[in-house]
């Protein structure tokens, strides 16, 4: 399989980490959605990443859909999310909040780099949404007594949150002032200390206007 996208994307990174944890071999093509758009377009006309090309040539797009496919390959016993029921819905909600947070952080990068006239209204709206999500995730983590968010082993929720936090902190240092979310910070530190996170990481490199 071929995974397209750079690891400074929290979406690409979460897929790569999951693939390594599942022991699924893949070729990585670190193409940029800006500098390498013409390379990505034949596989994904949206020129978005992550894009996963399967061995038979089928293409899967969007991190949630890709992880759903990878969970099928891994099987229920190994999958990093419950196969059905309330626990699956709760995990998917955490993943959605984390990827939504990352999406807002990406929007702020584009706002700063690609727009000549920055919209302060949009910037403040994104910052408010980011802070709200962090508050919700902090409270959600406080309600989970287990070592990881949904049990005794790492899951998609932990990976999604950690990848979103790293990207946001690197792309926007000091964005939210001196506020702290200690449980999220502890989760992030624990994840980033794992070799699989260190080996699948890339410093954030904003696109040039």
Protein backbone atom coordinates (compact mmCIF):
# COMPACT_ATOMS: atom_id res chain seq x y z
CA UNK A 1 0.00 0.00 0.00
CA UNK A 2 1.02 3.61 -0.49
CA UNK A 3 0.32 6.36 2.05
CA UNK A 4 0.43 9.83 0.52
CA UNK A 5 1.03 12.93 2.62
CA UNK A 6 3.54 14.55 4.92
CA UNK A 7 3.77 13.76 8.62
CA UNK A 8 3.39 17.39 9.63
CA UNK A 9 -0.30 16.77 8.86
CA UNK A 10 -1.99 15.43 12.01
CA UNK A 11 -4.35 13.47 9.75
CA UNK A 12 -1.59 11.71 7.82
CA UNK A 13 0.38 11.13 10.99
CA UNK A 14 -2.45 9.39 12.84
CA UNK A 15 -2.88 7.00 9.92
CA UNK A 16 0.84 6.25 9.73
CA UNK A 17 1.04 5.58 13.47
CA UNK A 18 -1.96 3.23 13.30
CA UNK A 19 -0.47 1.35 10.35
CA UNK A 20 2.78 0.81 12.23
CA UNK A 21 0.97 -0.31 15.38
CA UNK A 22 -1.06 -2.75 13.29
CA UNK A 23 2.06 -4.02 11.57
CA UNK A 24 0.74 -3.10 8.13
CA UNK A 25 3.53 -2.46 5.64
CA UNK A 26 3.28 0.56 3.36
CA UNK A 27 5.29 2.84 1.13
CA UNK A 28 5.27 6.47 2.22
CA UNK A 29 5.18 9.24 -0.36
CA UNK A 30 5.63 12.52 1.53
CA UNK A 31 3.91 14.72 -1.01
CA UNK A 32 2.71 18.20 -0.13
CA UNK A 33 -0.81 19.31 -1.07
CA UNK A 34 0.72 22.55 -2.33
CA UNK A 35 4.07 21.65 -3.84
CA UNK A 36 3.02 18.22 -5.12
CA UNK A 37 -0.64 18.77 -6.00
CA UNK A 38 -0.16 17.49 -9.55
CA UNK A 39 1.22 14.22 -8.17
CA UNK A 40 -1.66 13.76 -5.72
CA UNK A 41 -4.49 14.68 -8.11
CA UNK A 42 -4.45 11.45 -10.16
CA UNK A 43 -5.10 9.52 -6.94
CA UNK A 44 -7.37 12.04 -5.23
CA UNK A 45 -8.92 14.89 -7.24
CA UNK A 46 -9.45 16.81 -4.00
CA UNK A 47 -5.63 16.88 -3.69
CA UNK A 48 -6.03 16.23 0.02
CA UNK A 49 -4.10 13.99 2.37
CA UNK A 50 -4.03 11.39 3.70
CA UNK A 51 -4.70 9.34 0.60
CA UNK A 52 -4.15 5.60 0.79
CA UNK A 53 -3.60 3.56 -2.37
CA UNK A 54 -4.37 -0.12 -1.84
CA UNK A 55 -2.45 -2.97 -3.44
CA UNK A 56 -5.14 -3.43 -6.10
CA UNK A 57 -5.13 0.27 -6.99
CA UNK A 58 -8.28 1.22 -5.07
CA UNK A 59 -7.94 4.57 -3.33
CA UNK A 60 -9.26 5.37 0.15
CA UNK A 61 -9.44 9.01 1.23
CA UNK A 62 -9.96 10.87 4.53
CA UNK A 63 -8.34 9.63 7.73
CA UNK A 64 -11.56 8.29 9.29
CA UNK A 65 -12.37 6.15 6.25
CA UNK A 66 -8.79 4.94 5.98
CA UNK A 67 -8.71 3.91 9.65
CA UNK A 68 -12.04 2.14 9.27
CA UNK A 69 -10.50 0.08 6.47
CA UNK A 70 -7.35 -0.60 8.48
CA UNK A 71 -9.47 -1.76 11.43
CA UNK A 72 -11.08 -4.32 9.13
CA UNK A 73 -7.66 -5.59 8.14
CA UNK A 74 -6.50 -5.76 11.75
CA UNK A 75 -9.62 -7.59 12.94
CA UNK A 76 -11.80 -6.95 15.98
CA UNK A 77 -9.34 -8.39 18.50
CA UNK A 78 -6.54 -6.05 17.43
CA UNK A 79 -8.57 -3.03 16.30
CA UNK A 80 -7.89 0.12 18.32
CA UNK A 81 -11.58 0.94 18.70
CA UNK A 82 -14.65 -0.97 19.85
CA UNK A 83 -16.40 -2.72 16.94
CA UNK A 84 -19.89 -1.47 17.86
CA UNK A 85 -22.07 -0.03 20.61
CA UNK A 86 -21.80 2.96 22.97
CA UNK A 87 -18.05 2.59 23.51
CA UNK A 88 -17.44 2.84 19.76
CA UNK A 89 -19.65 5.93 19.50
CA UNK A 90 -17.84 7.57 22.41
CA UNK A 91 -14.47 6.86 20.86
CA UNK A 92 -15.60 8.19 17.48
CA UNK A 93 -16.80 11.36 19.20
CA UNK A 94 -13.39 11.93 20.77
CA UNK A 95 -11.74 11.32 17.40
CA UNK A 96 -14.14 13.77 15.73
CA UNK A 97 -13.42 16.45 18.33
CA UNK A 98 -9.68 15.93 17.94
CA UNK A 99 -9.73 16.04 14.14
CA UNK A 100 -12.06 19.05 14.27
CA UNK A 101 -9.55 20.77 16.53
CA UNK A 102 -6.78 19.96 14.07
CA UNK A 103 -8.89 21.25 11.19
CA UNK A 104 -9.37 24.59 12.95
CA UNK A 105 -5.65 24.80 13.63
CA UNK A 106 -4.95 24.14 9.94
CA UNK A 107 -7.47 26.84 8.99
CA UNK A 108 -5.56 29.34 11.10
CA UNK A 109 -2.34 28.44 9.30
CA UNK A 110 -3.98 29.09 5.95
CA UNK A 111 -5.52 32.31 7.24
CA UNK A 112 -2.11 33.62 8.27
CA UNK A 113 -0.21 32.50 5.18
CA UNK A 114 -2.60 32.57 2.24
CA UNK A 115 -4.86 35.56 2.91
CA UNK A 116 -3.70 39.11 2.31
CA UNK A 117 -6.34 40.57 4.62
CA UNK A 118 -6.61 38.44 7.73
CA UNK A 119 -10.13 38.14 9.14
CA UNK A 120 -9.91 38.77 12.87
CA UNK A 121 -13.51 37.58 13.24
CA UNK A 122 -12.59 34.22 11.71
CA UNK A 123 -9.40 33.97 13.77
CA UNK A 124 -11.25 34.63 17.02
CA UNK A 125 -13.97 32.16 16.06
CA UNK A 126 -11.37 29.43 15.43
CA UNK A 127 -9.58 30.22 18.69
CA UNK A 128 -12.86 30.01 20.59
CA UNK A 129 -13.69 26.68 18.96
CA UNK A 130 -10.23 25.30 19.72
CA UNK A 131 -10.45 26.33 23.37
CA UNK A 132 -13.94 24.85 23.64
CA UNK A 133 -12.81 21.53 22.22
CA UNK A 134 -9.81 21.41 24.55
CA UNK A 135 -12.09 22.06 27.53
CA UNK A 136 -14.42 19.27 26.42
CA UNK A 137 -11.57 16.83 25.83
CA UNK A 138 -10.00 17.66 29.19
CA UNK A 139 -13.30 16.97 30.93
CA UNK A 140 -13.77 13.80 28.92
CA UNK A 141 -10.34 12.50 29.85
CA UNK A 142 -11.07 13.22 33.52
CA UNK A 143 -14.02 10.83 33.32
CA UNK A 144 -11.86 7.95 32.08
CA UNK A 145 -9.93 6.15 34.87
CA UNK A 146 -8.14 3.78 32.50
CA UNK A 147 -4.50 4.05 31.42
CA UNK A 148 -5.58 5.06 27.94
CA UNK A 149 -8.77 6.79 26.91
CA UNK A 150 -10.78 3.64 26.26
CA UNK A 151 -8.94 0.91 28.09
CA UNK A 152 -5.54 -0.46 28.93
CA UNK A 153 -4.07 -0.12 25.46
CA UNK A 154 -3.68 2.81 23.13
CA UNK A 155 -6.55 3.52 20.75
CA UNK A 156 -7.51 5.78 17.88
CA UNK A 157 -8.85 8.40 20.30
CA UNK A 158 -5.47 8.73 22.05
CA UNK A 159 -3.62 8.94 18.76
CA UNK A 160 -6.00 11.51 17.26
CA UNK A 161 -5.83 13.76 20.32
CA UNK A 162 -2.04 13.55 20.58
CA UNK A 163 -1.53 14.32 16.88
CA UNK A 164 -3.93 17.27 17.03
CA UNK A 165 -2.24 18.68 20.13
CA UNK A 166 1.25 18.46 18.69
CA UNK A 167 0.23 20.14 15.46
CA UNK A 168 -1.65 22.94 17.23
CA UNK A 169 1.18 23.62 19.66
CA UNK A 170 3.80 23.65 16.92
CA UNK A 171 1.81 25.66 14.40
CA UNK A 172 0.47 28.19 16.92
CA UNK A 173 2.72 28.48 19.97
CA UNK A 174 1.06 30.57 22.65
CA UNK A 175 -2.21 30.68 20.71
CA UNK A 176 -4.38 30.37 23.81
CA UNK A 177 -2.17 32.22 26.24
CA UNK A 178 -1.30 30.60 29.55
CA UNK A 179 -4.22 28.19 29.70
CA UNK A 180 -3.39 24.59 30.50
CA UNK A 181 -5.15 21.28 30.09
CA UNK A 182 -3.09 19.01 32.35
CA UNK A 183 -4.74 15.70 31.49
CA UNK A 184 -4.40 16.33 27.77
CA UNK A 185 -0.82 17.47 28.21
CA UNK A 186 -0.04 14.27 30.13
CA UNK A 187 -1.64 12.15 27.40
CA UNK A 188 0.30 14.00 24.72
CA UNK A 189 3.60 13.54 26.57
CA UNK A 190 2.95 9.82 27.06
CA UNK A 191 2.14 9.34 23.38
CA UNK A 192 5.03 11.41 22.07
CA UNK A 193 7.44 9.39 24.25
CA UNK A 194 6.54 6.23 22.32
CA UNK A 195 9.00 5.28 19.53
CA UNK A 196 6.19 4.96 16.97
CA UNK A 197 5.27 8.61 17.51
CA UNK A 198 8.86 9.81 17.36
CA UNK A 199 9.54 7.82 14.20
CA UNK A 200 6.48 9.19 12.41
CA UNK A 201 6.80 12.90 12.99
CA UNK A 202 7.74 15.98 11.04
CA UNK A 203 8.11 19.61 12.07
CA UNK A 204 5.25 21.79 10.88
CA UNK A 205 6.16 23.58 7.66
CA UNK A 206 3.47 26.13 6.65
CA UNK A 207 2.83 26.60 2.92
CA UNK A 208 4.24 29.67 1.26
CA UNK A 209 1.90 32.24 -0.23
